[in-house]
Amino acid sequence: MAPGASSLRSELESNLVKYLLEGQRFAQAEPLLLAMHGQLVESSDESPSQTQASIERLAKFYESWDAAEPGQGYDAKAAEWRAKLPANEAAEPAP
């Protein structure tokens, strides 16, 4: 991949996910978010803070999906991602 192409791709993917989430198109955003997280984890230059931010983003994503479509198990997925955060980061957000 050409220099800078990776960051451009990440920016485009991030913008696409943002667009999908604004339209509550969760099913379409989910595979992109999971792939972006996987790429981050596999990256040689990933930092713990980036990983934590990605995990937090996934937890919030599933919380939003659960709010839009309750009873589908998305709250459990949010809890699974929150459990991967350090103890001081994993507290449930205030309503």
C-alpha atoms as a PDB file:
ATOM      1  CA  MET A   1       0.000   0.000   0.000  1.00  0.00           C
ATOM      2  CA  ALA A   2       1.303   3.452  -0.877  1.00  0.00           C
ATOM      3  CA  PRO A   3       2.509   5.729   1.936  1.00  0.00           C
ATOM      4  CA  GLY A   4      -0.445   7.563   3.428  1.00  0.00           C
ATOM      5  CA  ALA A   5      -2.949   5.233   1.767  1.00  0.00           C
ATOM      6  CA  SER A   6      -3.575   3.400   5.027  1.00  0.00           C
ATOM      7  CA  SER A   7      -4.442   6.580   6.908  1.00  0.00           C
ATOM      8  CA  LEU A   8      -6.641   7.758   4.028  1.00  0.00           C
ATOM      9  CA  ARG A   9      -8.469   4.428   4.035  1.00  0.00           C
ATOM     10  CA  SER A  10      -8.954   4.639   7.801  1.00  0.00           C
ATOM     11  CA  GLU A  11     -10.336   8.147   7.491  1.00  0.00           C
ATOM     12  CA  LEU A  12     -12.733   7.101   4.730  1.00  0.00           C
ATOM     13  CA  GLU A  13     -13.906   4.070   6.702  1.00  0.00           C
ATOM     14  CA  SER A  14     -14.393   6.214   9.794  1.00  0.00           C
ATOM     15  CA  ASN A  15     -16.443   8.739   7.841  1.00  0.00           C
ATOM     16  CA  LEU A  16     -18.542   5.952   6.308  1.00  0.00           C
ATOM     17  CA  VAL A  17     -19.243   4.467   9.744  1.00  0.00           C
ATOM     18  CA  LYS A  18     -20.207   7.911  11.053  1.00  0.00           C
ATOM     19  CA  TYR A  19     -22.610   8.350   8.128  1.00  0.00           C
ATOM     20  CA  LEU A  20     -24.136   4.909   8.685  1.00  0.00           C
ATOM     21  CA  LEU A  21     -24.580   5.513  12.401  1.00  0.00           C
ATOM     22  CA  GLU A  22     -26.225   8.881  11.836  1.00  0.00           C
ATOM     23  CA  GLY A  23     -28.786   7.016   9.723  1.00  0.00           C
ATOM     24  CA  GLN A  24     -29.061   4.257  12.347  1.00  0.00           C
ATOM     25  CA  ARG A  25     -27.865   1.717   9.795  1.00  0.00           C
ATOM     26  CA  PHE A  26     -26.308  -0.429  12.499  1.00  0.00           C
ATOM     27  CA  ALA A  27     -26.224  -3.717  10.586  1.00  0.00           C
ATOM     28  CA  GLN A  28     -24.168  -2.081   7.843  1.00  0.00           C
ATOM     29  CA  ALA A  29     -21.844  -0.291  10.281  1.00  0.00           C
ATOM     30  CA  GLU A  30     -21.131  -3.351  12.455  1.00  0.00           C
ATOM     31  CA  PRO A  31     -18.804  -5.264  10.090  1.00  0.00           C
ATOM     32  CA  LEU A  32     -16.872  -2.074   9.318  1.00  0.00           C
ATOM     33  CA  LEU A  33     -16.355  -1.263  12.995  1.00  0.00           C
ATOM     34  CA  LEU A  34     -15.282  -4.827  13.777  1.00  0.00           C
ATOM     35  CA  ALA A  35     -12.874  -4.867  10.816  1.00  0.00           C
ATOM     36  CA  MET A  36     -11.413  -1.512  11.810  1.00  0.00           C
ATOM     37  CA  HIS A  37     -10.855  -2.801  15.345  1.00  0.00           C
ATOM     38  CA  GLY A  38      -9.224  -5.970  14.018  1.00  0.00           C
ATOM     39  CA  GLN A  39      -6.907  -3.963  11.785  1.00  0.00           C
ATOM     40  CA  LEU A  40      -5.948  -1.754  14.708  1.00  0.00           C
ATOM     41  CA  VAL A  41      -5.153  -4.738  16.928  1.00  0.00           C
ATOM     42  CA  GLU A  42      -3.074  -6.370  14.179  1.00  0.00           C
ATOM     43  CA  SER A  43      -1.219  -3.124  13.430  1.00  0.00           C
ATOM     44  CA  SER A  44       2.378  -2.977  14.556  1.00  0.00           C
ATOM     45  CA  ASP A  45       2.013   0.658  15.596  1.00  0.00           C
ATOM     46  CA  GLU A  46      -1.147   0.310  17.679  1.00  0.00           C
ATOM     47  CA  SER A  47      -1.078   1.839  21.135  1.00  0.00           C
ATOM     48  CA  PRO A  48      -3.006   0.728  24.213  1.00  0.00           C
ATOM     49  CA  SER A  49      -4.922   4.012  24.224  1.00  0.00           C
ATOM     50  CA  GLN A  50      -5.997   3.471  20.595  1.00  0.00           C
ATOM     51  CA  THR A  51      -7.133  -0.047  21.416  1.00  0.00           C
ATOM     52  CA  GLN A  52      -9.085   1.181  24.439  1.00  0.00           C
ATOM     53  CA  ALA A  53     -10.715   3.915  22.345  1.00  0.00           C
ATOM     54  CA  SER A  54     -11.717   1.336  19.737  1.00  0.00           C
ATOM     55  CA  ILE A  55     -13.197  -0.953  22.399  1.00  0.00           C
ATOM     56  CA  GLU A  56     -15.075   1.991  23.925  1.00  0.00           C
ATOM     57  CA  ARG A  57     -16.407   2.911  20.481  1.00  0.00           C
ATOM     58  CA  LEU A  58     -17.682  -0.643  19.951  1.00  0.00           C
ATOM     59  CA  ALA A  59     -19.339  -0.699  23.381  1.00  0.00           C
ATOM     60  CA  LYS A  60     -21.087   2.613  22.684  1.00  0.00           C
ATOM     61  CA  PHE A  61     -22.084   1.364  19.237  1.00  0.00           C
ATOM     62  CA  TYR A  62     -23.833  -1.680  20.691  1.00  0.00           C
ATOM     63  CA  GLU A  63     -25.453   0.468  23.410  1.00  0.00           C
ATOM     64  CA  SER A  64     -26.849   2.770  20.710  1.00  0.00           C
ATOM     65  CA  TRP A  65     -28.069  -0.197  18.692  1.00  0.00           C
ATOM     66  CA  ASP A  66     -29.715  -1.644  21.784  1.00  0.00           C
ATOM     67  CA  ALA A  67     -31.467   1.673  22.459  1.00  0.00           C
ATOM     68  CA  ALA A  68     -32.781   1.708  18.877  1.00  0.00           C
ATOM     69  CA  GLU A  69     -33.708  -1.990  18.817  1.00  0.00           C
ATOM     70  CA  PRO A  70     -34.126  -3.246  22.404  1.00  0.00           C
ATOM     71  CA  GLY A  71     -34.321  -6.921  23.222  1.00  0.00           C
ATOM     72  CA  GLN A  72     -32.089  -8.112  20.394  1.00  0.00           C
ATOM     73  CA  GLY A  73     -29.038  -8.887  22.541  1.00  0.00           C
ATOM     74  CA  TYR A  74     -27.034  -5.781  21.681  1.00  0.00           C
ATOM     75  CA  ASP A  75     -26.835  -4.841  25.364  1.00  0.00           C
ATOM     76  CA  ALA A  76     -24.996  -8.123  25.978  1.00  0.00           C
ATOM     77  CA  LYS A  77     -22.562  -7.352  23.158  1.00  0.00           C
ATOM     78  CA  ALA A  78     -21.955  -3.907  24.671  1.00  0.00           C
ATOM     79  CA  ALA A  79     -21.225  -5.535  28.022  1.00  0.00           C
ATOM     80  CA  GLU A  80     -18.784  -7.978  26.386  1.00  0.00           C
ATOM     81  CA  TRP A  81     -16.822  -5.082  24.884  1.00  0.00           C
ATOM     82  CA  ARG A  82     -16.949  -3.052  28.127  1.00  0.00           C
ATOM     83  CA  ALA A  83     -15.527  -6.068  29.981  1.00  0.00           C
ATOM     84  CA  LYS A  84     -12.396  -5.769  27.811  1.00  0.00           C
ATOM     85  CA  LEU A  85     -11.684  -2.287  29.174  1.00  0.00           C
ATOM     86  CA  PRO A  86      -9.511  -1.727  32.234  1.00  0.00           C
ATOM     87  CA  ALA A  87     -11.579  -1.637  35.455  1.00  0.00           C
ATOM     88  CA  ASN A  88     -11.559   2.159  35.740  1.00  0.00           C
ATOM     89  CA  GLU A  89     -12.775   2.505  32.127  1.00  0.00           C
ATOM     90  CA  ALA A  90     -15.376  -0.278  32.197  1.00  0.00           C
ATOM     91  CA  ALA A  91     -17.969   1.394  34.424  1.00  0.00           C
ATOM     92  CA  GLU A  92     -21.340   1.788  32.778  1.00  0.00           C
ATOM     93  CA  PRO A  93     -21.908   5.308  31.524  1.00  0.00           C
ATOM     94  CA  ALA A  94     -24.354   7.463  33.467  1.00  0.00           C
ATOM     95  CA  PRO A  95     -27.807   7.770  31.845  1.00  0.00           C
END
